[in-house]
Amino acid sequence: MKNIIEFLLSAKQNTYANDSGQTKSSRPNSYDLEYSEDDYHCLDTYLGTHSFSGLEVL
């Protein structure tokens, strides 16, 4: 099993870095990226495209 830092790096490489992982929006006009591996699950939600704010949950 990977540690949390390795998992976060893998999650970013498999969502943002390769433009995948987008899932159904969790709130109006949000962009959600989801990634799972072993016992870990990451949901990253952000609003906006240039100056944006968001939340990443493990």
N, C-alpha and C. Protein backbone atom coordinates (compact mmCIF):
# COMPACT_ATOMS: atom_id res chain seq x y z
N MET A 1 0.85 -1.18 0.00
CA MET A 1 0.00 0.00 0.00
C MET A 1 0.89 1.24 0.00
N LYS A 2 0.51 2.23 -0.79
CA LYS A 2 1.26 3.48 -0.87
C LYS A 2 1.02 4.32 0.37
N ASN A 3 1.98 5.21 0.67
CA ASN A 3 1.72 6.16 1.73
C ASN A 3 0.93 7.35 1.14
N ILE A 4 0.48 8.24 1.97
CA ILE A 4 -0.40 9.33 1.52
C ILE A 4 0.29 10.25 0.51
N ILE A 5 1.55 10.57 0.72
CA ILE A 5 2.25 11.45 -0.23
C ILE A 5 2.35 10.80 -1.60
N GLU A 6 2.71 9.52 -1.64
CA GLU A 6 2.77 8.81 -2.91
C GLU A 6 1.41 8.77 -3.58
N PHE A 7 0.36 8.55 -2.77
CA PHE A 7 -0.99 8.52 -3.33
C PHE A 7 -1.38 9.88 -3.91
N LEU A 8 -1.11 10.97 -3.20
CA LEU A 8 -1.45 12.30 -3.71
C LEU A 8 -0.73 12.60 -5.02
N LEU A 9 0.54 12.23 -5.11
CA LEU A 9 1.27 12.42 -6.36
C LEU A 9 0.64 11.61 -7.48
N SER A 10 0.28 10.39 -7.19
CA SER A 10 -0.37 9.54 -8.17
C SER A 10 -1.74 10.10 -8.57
N ALA A 11 -2.49 10.60 -7.61
CA ALA A 11 -3.81 11.18 -7.89
C ALA A 11 -3.68 12.39 -8.82
N LYS A 12 -2.71 13.26 -8.57
CA LYS A 12 -2.52 14.44 -9.42
C LYS A 12 -2.05 14.04 -10.82
N GLN A 13 -1.18 13.04 -10.90
CA GLN A 13 -0.70 12.57 -12.20
C GLN A 13 -1.81 11.92 -13.00
N ASN A 14 -2.80 11.36 -12.32
CA ASN A 14 -3.89 10.66 -13.00
C ASN A 14 -5.17 11.48 -13.10
N THR A 15 -5.11 12.74 -12.74
CA THR A 15 -6.27 13.63 -12.91
C THR A 15 -5.84 14.89 -13.66
N TYR A 16 -5.27 15.86 -12.97
CA TYR A 16 -4.85 17.11 -13.61
C TYR A 16 -3.85 16.88 -14.73
N ALA A 17 -2.81 16.14 -14.45
CA ALA A 17 -1.68 16.02 -15.38
C ALA A 17 -2.05 15.33 -16.69
N ASN A 18 -3.03 14.45 -16.69
CA ASN A 18 -3.40 13.80 -17.95
C ASN A 18 -4.84 14.08 -18.35
N ASP A 19 -5.40 15.13 -17.76
CA ASP A 19 -6.75 15.60 -18.13
C ASP A 19 -7.80 14.50 -18.05
N SER A 20 -7.81 13.78 -16.94
CA SER A 20 -8.81 12.74 -16.74
C SER A 20 -9.32 12.76 -15.31
N GLY A 21 -10.27 11.92 -15.01
CA GLY A 21 -10.80 11.81 -13.66
C GLY A 21 -11.99 12.69 -13.38
N GLN A 22 -12.42 13.48 -14.41
CA GLN A 22 -13.55 14.36 -14.15
C GLN A 22 -14.80 13.53 -13.90
N THR A 23 -15.57 13.94 -12.91
CA THR A 23 -16.78 13.23 -12.53
C THR A 23 -17.92 14.24 -12.44
N LYS A 24 -19.10 13.75 -12.15
CA LYS A 24 -20.28 14.61 -12.05
C LYS A 24 -20.06 15.73 -11.04
N SER A 25 -20.50 16.91 -11.38
CA SER A 25 -20.36 18.08 -10.53
C SER A 25 -21.11 17.88 -9.21
N SER A 26 -20.43 18.20 -8.11
CA SER A 26 -21.05 18.01 -6.80
C SER A 26 -21.86 19.23 -6.36
N ARG A 27 -21.68 20.35 -7.04
CA ARG A 27 -22.46 21.57 -6.76
C ARG A 27 -22.50 22.40 -8.03
N PRO A 28 -23.40 23.37 -8.11
CA PRO A 28 -23.54 24.14 -9.36
C PRO A 28 -22.22 24.75 -9.83
N ASN A 29 -21.89 24.50 -11.09
CA ASN A 29 -20.72 25.08 -11.75
C ASN A 29 -19.38 24.65 -11.18
N SER A 30 -19.33 23.55 -10.46
CA SER A 30 -18.04 23.06 -9.95
C SER A 30 -17.46 22.04 -10.92
N TYR A 31 -16.15 21.87 -10.82
CA TYR A 31 -15.44 20.84 -11.56
C TYR A 31 -14.91 19.86 -10.52
N ASP A 32 -15.19 18.61 -10.71
CA ASP A 32 -14.79 17.59 -9.73
C ASP A 32 -13.91 16.55 -10.40
N LEU A 33 -12.82 16.23 -9.73
CA LEU A 33 -11.91 15.19 -10.18
C LEU A 33 -11.86 14.12 -9.10
N GLU A 34 -11.93 12.87 -9.51
CA GLU A 34 -11.99 11.78 -8.54
C GLU A 34 -10.95 10.73 -8.91
N TYR A 35 -10.32 10.18 -7.88
CA TYR A 35 -9.30 9.15 -8.10
C TYR A 35 -9.28 8.22 -6.89
N SER A 36 -9.17 6.92 -7.15
CA SER A 36 -9.09 5.91 -6.09
C SER A 36 -7.97 4.93 -6.39
N GLU A 37 -7.34 4.47 -5.32
CA GLU A 37 -6.30 3.46 -5.44
C GLU A 37 -6.16 2.76 -4.09
N ASP A 38 -6.23 1.45 -4.10
CA ASP A 38 -6.19 0.67 -2.86
C ASP A 38 -7.24 1.19 -1.88
N ASP A 39 -6.83 1.55 -0.67
CA ASP A 39 -7.78 2.04 0.34
C ASP A 39 -7.96 3.55 0.32
N TYR A 40 -7.31 4.24 -0.62
CA TYR A 40 -7.37 5.70 -0.68
C TYR A 40 -8.35 6.17 -1.74
N HIS A 41 -8.99 7.30 -1.46
CA HIS A 41 -9.90 7.93 -2.41
C HIS A 41 -9.72 9.44 -2.29
N CYS A 42 -9.65 10.12 -3.42
CA CYS A 42 -9.47 11.56 -3.43
C CYS A 42 -10.58 12.20 -4.26
N LEU A 43 -11.17 13.25 -3.75
CA LEU A 43 -12.14 14.05 -4.49
C LEU A 43 -11.66 15.49 -4.42
N ASP A 44 -11.39 16.06 -5.58
CA ASP A 44 -10.91 17.43 -5.68
C ASP A 44 -11.98 18.24 -6.39
N THR A 45 -12.50 19.25 -5.74
CA THR A 45 -13.56 20.10 -6.28
C THR A 45 -13.05 21.52 -6.39
N TYR A 46 -13.28 22.14 -7.54
CA TYR A 46 -12.90 23.55 -7.66
C TYR A 46 -13.94 24.30 -8.47
N LEU A 47 -13.97 25.61 -8.25
CA LEU A 47 -14.91 26.51 -8.92
C LEU A 47 -14.10 27.56 -9.67
N GLY A 48 -14.43 27.81 -10.91
CA GLY A 48 -13.72 28.78 -11.72
C GLY A 48 -12.67 28.12 -12.58
N THR A 49 -12.04 28.93 -13.46
CA THR A 49 -11.03 28.38 -14.35
C THR A 49 -9.70 29.11 -14.27
N HIS A 50 -9.69 30.38 -13.91
CA HIS A 50 -8.43 31.13 -13.83
C HIS A 50 -8.07 31.37 -12.38
N SER A 51 -8.79 32.24 -11.74
CA SER A 51 -8.64 32.44 -10.29
C SER A 51 -9.71 31.57 -9.65
N PHE A 52 -9.31 30.47 -9.09
CA PHE A 52 -10.31 29.54 -8.58
C PHE A 52 -10.03 29.18 -7.14
N SER A 53 -11.06 28.66 -6.51
CA SER A 53 -10.91 28.13 -5.15
C SER A 53 -11.51 26.73 -5.15
N GLY A 54 -11.06 25.93 -4.22
CA GLY A 54 -11.55 24.57 -4.20
C GLY A 54 -11.26 23.86 -2.90
N LEU A 55 -11.47 22.55 -2.95
CA LEU A 55 -11.31 21.71 -1.77
C LEU A 55 -10.85 20.33 -2.24
N GLU A 56 -9.85 19.82 -1.58
CA GLU A 56 -9.37 18.47 -1.86
C GLU A 56 -9.58 17.62 -0.62
N VAL A 57 -10.25 16.49 -0.79
CA VAL A 57 -10.59 15.62 0.35
C VAL A 57 -10.03 14.23 0.09
N LEU A 58 -9.37 13.69 1.11
CA LEU A 58 -8.89 12.30 1.05
C LEU A 58 -9.76 11.44 1.94
